[in-house]
Amino acid sequence: MQTLPKERRFETLSYLPPLTDSQIVKQVQYILDQGYIPAVEFSDNSEPEHHYWTLWKLPLFKARSTQEVMAEVDACRSDYRDSYIRVVGFDNVKQCQVLSFIIHKPNTNARGRF
């Protein structure tokens, strides 16, 4: 049995190895397949008691492809390299956020990895 290195864990997928861009695309495709509305958020603070993240533009209400969402992810990454960035999925029936996962942590060099 191997012990994970000691570091702060953020959300559900943070216990997995860092996601590559192709794995992020698959997660975004799941969001779209479920009929959820994707959005990109960022924050310079990742403390658990910090509940509010800044929304990158408006939620992508009319997004129909992963390329549209990933274009916004890449734009957010280039403007906010020193912030935590996550993708969220909103359920318009329940009217709440139903999933989210961090796609970028600051102070990393690899594109598409955190």
C-alpha atoms as a PDB file:
ATOM      1  CA  MET A   1       0.000   0.000   0.000  1.00  0.00           C
ATOM      2  CA  GLN A   2       1.277   3.439  -0.923  1.00  0.00           C
ATOM      3  CA  THR A   3       0.540   6.632   0.968  1.00  0.00           C
ATOM      4  CA  LEU A   4      -0.362   9.718  -1.055  1.00  0.00           C
ATOM      5  CA  PRO A   5       2.007  12.665  -0.674  1.00  0.00           C
ATOM      6  CA  LYS A   6       0.787  15.190   1.860  1.00  0.00           C
ATOM      7  CA  GLU A   7      -0.890  18.068   0.056  1.00  0.00           C
ATOM      8  CA  ARG A   8      -4.183  19.908   0.188  1.00  0.00           C
ATOM      9  CA  ARG A   9      -7.039  18.163  -1.581  1.00  0.00           C
ATOM     10  CA  PHE A  10      -9.688  20.347  -3.153  1.00  0.00           C
ATOM     11  CA  GLU A  11     -12.606  18.533  -4.725  1.00  0.00           C
ATOM     12  CA  THR A  12     -13.570  15.041  -5.797  1.00  0.00           C
ATOM     13  CA  LEU A  13     -11.197  14.665  -8.743  1.00  0.00           C
ATOM     14  CA  SER A  14      -8.240  16.069  -6.789  1.00  0.00           C
ATOM     15  CA  TYR A  15      -7.579  12.587  -5.427  1.00  0.00           C
ATOM     16  CA  LEU A  16      -6.831  11.388  -8.958  1.00  0.00           C
ATOM     17  CA  PRO A  17      -3.653  12.172 -10.879  1.00  0.00           C
ATOM     18  CA  PRO A  18      -3.807  15.572 -12.661  1.00  0.00           C
ATOM     19  CA  LEU A  19      -6.147  15.603 -15.645  1.00  0.00           C
ATOM     20  CA  THR A  20      -4.755  16.105 -19.129  1.00  0.00           C
ATOM     21  CA  ASP A  21      -6.602  18.252 -21.644  1.00  0.00           C
ATOM     22  CA  SER A  22      -8.072  15.149 -23.299  1.00  0.00           C
ATOM     23  CA  GLN A  23      -9.411  13.959 -19.927  1.00  0.00           C
ATOM     24  CA  ILE A  24     -10.864  17.414 -19.248  1.00  0.00           C
ATOM     25  CA  VAL A  25     -12.582  17.242 -22.643  1.00  0.00           C
ATOM     26  CA  LYS A  26     -14.216  13.949 -21.613  1.00  0.00           C
ATOM     27  CA  GLN A  27     -15.479  15.502 -18.373  1.00  0.00           C
ATOM     28  CA  VAL A  28     -16.830  18.504 -20.285  1.00  0.00           C
ATOM     29  CA  GLN A  29     -18.528  16.146 -22.748  1.00  0.00           C
ATOM     30  CA  TYR A  30     -20.224  14.443 -19.787  1.00  0.00           C
ATOM     31  CA  ILE A  31     -21.485  17.838 -18.596  1.00  0.00           C
ATOM     32  CA  LEU A  32     -22.929  18.547 -22.043  1.00  0.00           C
ATOM     33  CA  ASP A  33     -24.390  15.031 -22.407  1.00  0.00           C
ATOM     34  CA  GLN A  34     -26.260  15.413 -19.115  1.00  0.00           C
ATOM     35  CA  GLY A  35     -27.768  18.695 -20.288  1.00  0.00           C
ATOM     36  CA  TYR A  36     -25.926  20.714 -17.659  1.00  0.00           C
ATOM     37  CA  ILE A  37     -24.725  24.228 -18.371  1.00  0.00           C
ATOM     38  CA  PRO A  38     -20.907  24.501 -18.214  1.00  0.00           C
ATOM     39  CA  ALA A  39     -19.122  27.473 -16.714  1.00  0.00           C
ATOM     40  CA  VAL A  40     -15.527  28.369 -15.888  1.00  0.00           C
ATOM     41  CA  GLU A  41     -14.608  29.920 -12.536  1.00  0.00           C
ATOM     42  CA  PHE A  42     -11.355  31.103 -10.981  1.00  0.00           C
ATOM     43  CA  SER A  43     -10.100  32.114  -7.562  1.00  0.00           C
ATOM     44  CA  ASP A  44      -6.798  33.054  -5.982  1.00  0.00           C
ATOM     45  CA  ASN A  45      -7.910  31.476  -2.703  1.00  0.00           C
ATOM     46  CA  SER A  46      -8.534  27.756  -2.353  1.00  0.00           C
ATOM     47  CA  GLU A  47      -9.364  27.628   1.347  1.00  0.00           C
ATOM     48  CA  PRO A  48     -12.365  25.363   2.027  1.00  0.00           C
ATOM     49  CA  GLU A  49     -14.255  28.148   3.800  1.00  0.00           C
ATOM     50  CA  HIS A  50     -13.891  30.361   0.703  1.00  0.00           C
ATOM     51  CA  HIS A  51     -17.199  29.554  -0.988  1.00  0.00           C
ATOM     52  CA  TYR A  52     -17.327  32.147  -3.745  1.00  0.00           C
ATOM     53  CA  TRP A  53     -15.314  31.913  -6.932  1.00  0.00           C
ATOM     54  CA  THR A  54     -15.283  34.520  -9.710  1.00  0.00           C
ATOM     55  CA  LEU A  55     -17.178  33.516 -12.823  1.00  0.00           C
ATOM     56  CA  TRP A  56     -15.168  33.709 -16.050  1.00  0.00           C
ATOM     57  CA  LYS A  57     -17.606  35.488 -18.351  1.00  0.00           C
ATOM     58  CA  LEU A  58     -21.183  34.184 -18.267  1.00  0.00           C
ATOM     59  CA  PRO A  59     -22.098  30.484 -18.063  1.00  0.00           C
ATOM     60  CA  LEU A  60     -21.917  28.884 -21.494  1.00  0.00           C
ATOM     61  CA  PHE A  61     -25.687  28.559 -21.981  1.00  0.00           C
ATOM     62  CA  LYS A  62     -25.472  27.850 -25.706  1.00  0.00           C
ATOM     63  CA  ALA A  63     -22.386  25.639 -25.682  1.00  0.00           C
ATOM     64  CA  ARG A  64     -22.979  22.533 -27.767  1.00  0.00           C
ATOM     65  CA  SER A  65     -19.415  21.284 -28.192  1.00  0.00           C
ATOM     66  CA  THR A  66     -16.408  20.670 -26.013  1.00  0.00           C
ATOM     67  CA  GLN A  67     -14.337  22.946 -28.270  1.00  0.00           C
ATOM     68  CA  GLU A  68     -16.432  25.969 -27.239  1.00  0.00           C
ATOM     69  CA  VAL A  69     -15.907  25.214 -23.555  1.00  0.00           C
ATOM     70  CA  MET A  70     -12.210  24.416 -23.939  1.00  0.00           C
ATOM     71  CA  ALA A  71     -11.667  27.714 -25.794  1.00  0.00           C
ATOM     72  CA  GLU A  72     -12.960  29.535 -22.704  1.00  0.00           C
ATOM     73  CA  VAL A  73     -10.858  27.307 -20.433  1.00  0.00           C
ATOM     74  CA  ASP A  74      -7.725  28.166 -22.427  1.00  0.00           C
ATOM     75  CA  ALA A  75      -8.567  31.889 -22.377  1.00  0.00           C
ATOM     76  CA  CYS A  76      -9.050  31.793 -18.609  1.00  0.00           C
ATOM     77  CA  ARG A  77      -5.797  29.854 -18.179  1.00  0.00           C
ATOM     78  CA  SER A  78      -3.846  32.451 -20.151  1.00  0.00           C
ATOM     79  CA  ASP A  79      -5.329  35.414 -18.245  1.00  0.00           C
ATOM     80  CA  TYR A  80      -5.239  33.884 -14.748  1.00  0.00           C
ATOM     81  CA  ARG A  81      -2.144  31.658 -14.577  1.00  0.00           C
ATOM     82  CA  ASP A  82      -1.746  32.458 -10.865  1.00  0.00           C
ATOM     83  CA  SER A  83      -5.263  31.384  -9.910  1.00  0.00           C
ATOM     84  CA  TYR A  84      -7.116  28.154  -9.323  1.00  0.00           C
ATOM     85  CA  ILE A  85      -9.454  27.416 -12.223  1.00  0.00           C
ATOM     86  CA  ARG A  86     -12.373  25.023 -12.255  1.00  0.00           C
ATOM     87  CA  VAL A  87     -15.141  23.894 -14.565  1.00  0.00           C
ATOM     88  CA  VAL A  88     -18.626  23.619 -13.103  1.00  0.00           C
ATOM     89  CA  GLY A  89     -21.889  22.164 -14.351  1.00  0.00           C
ATOM     90  CA  PHE A  90     -25.216  23.806 -13.514  1.00  0.00           C
ATOM     91  CA  ASP A  91     -28.480  21.868 -13.594  1.00  0.00           C
ATOM     92  CA  ASN A  92     -31.190  24.185 -14.904  1.00  0.00           C
ATOM     93  CA  VAL A  93     -33.951  21.977 -13.433  1.00  0.00           C
ATOM     94  CA  LYS A  94     -32.553  21.803  -9.895  1.00  0.00           C
ATOM     95  CA  GLN A  95     -31.180  25.320 -10.365  1.00  0.00           C
ATOM     96  CA  CYS A  96     -27.904  24.588  -8.642  1.00  0.00           C
ATOM     97  CA  GLN A  97     -24.336  23.569  -9.320  1.00  0.00           C
ATOM     98  CA  VAL A  98     -24.224  19.775  -9.510  1.00  0.00           C
ATOM     99  CA  LEU A  99     -20.539  19.160 -10.242  1.00  0.00           C
ATOM    100  CA  SER A 100     -17.218  20.909 -10.369  1.00  0.00           C
ATOM    101  CA  PHE A 101     -13.581  20.011 -10.730  1.00  0.00           C
ATOM    102  CA  ILE A 102     -10.345  21.953 -10.644  1.00  0.00           C
ATOM    103  CA  ILE A 103      -8.447  22.006 -13.920  1.00  0.00           C
ATOM    104  CA  HIS A 104      -5.575  24.329 -13.018  1.00  0.00           C
ATOM    105  CA  LYS A 105      -3.557  25.070  -9.910  1.00  0.00           C
ATOM    106  CA  PRO A 106      -1.150  28.032  -9.848  1.00  0.00           C
ATOM    107  CA  ASN A 107       2.616  27.682 -10.021  1.00  0.00           C
ATOM    108  CA  THR A 108       2.696  24.803 -12.471  1.00  0.00           C
ATOM    109  CA  ASN A 109       4.492  24.716 -15.787  1.00  0.00           C
ATOM    110  CA  ALA A 110       2.624  21.958 -17.618  1.00  0.00           C
ATOM    111  CA  ARG A 111      -0.218  23.124 -19.851  1.00  0.00           C
ATOM    112  CA  GLY A 112      -3.430  21.288 -19.153  1.00  0.00           C
ATOM    113  CA  ARG A 113      -2.104  19.783 -15.933  1.00  0.00           C
ATOM    114  CA  PHE A 114      -2.226  20.914 -12.323  1.00  0.00           C
END
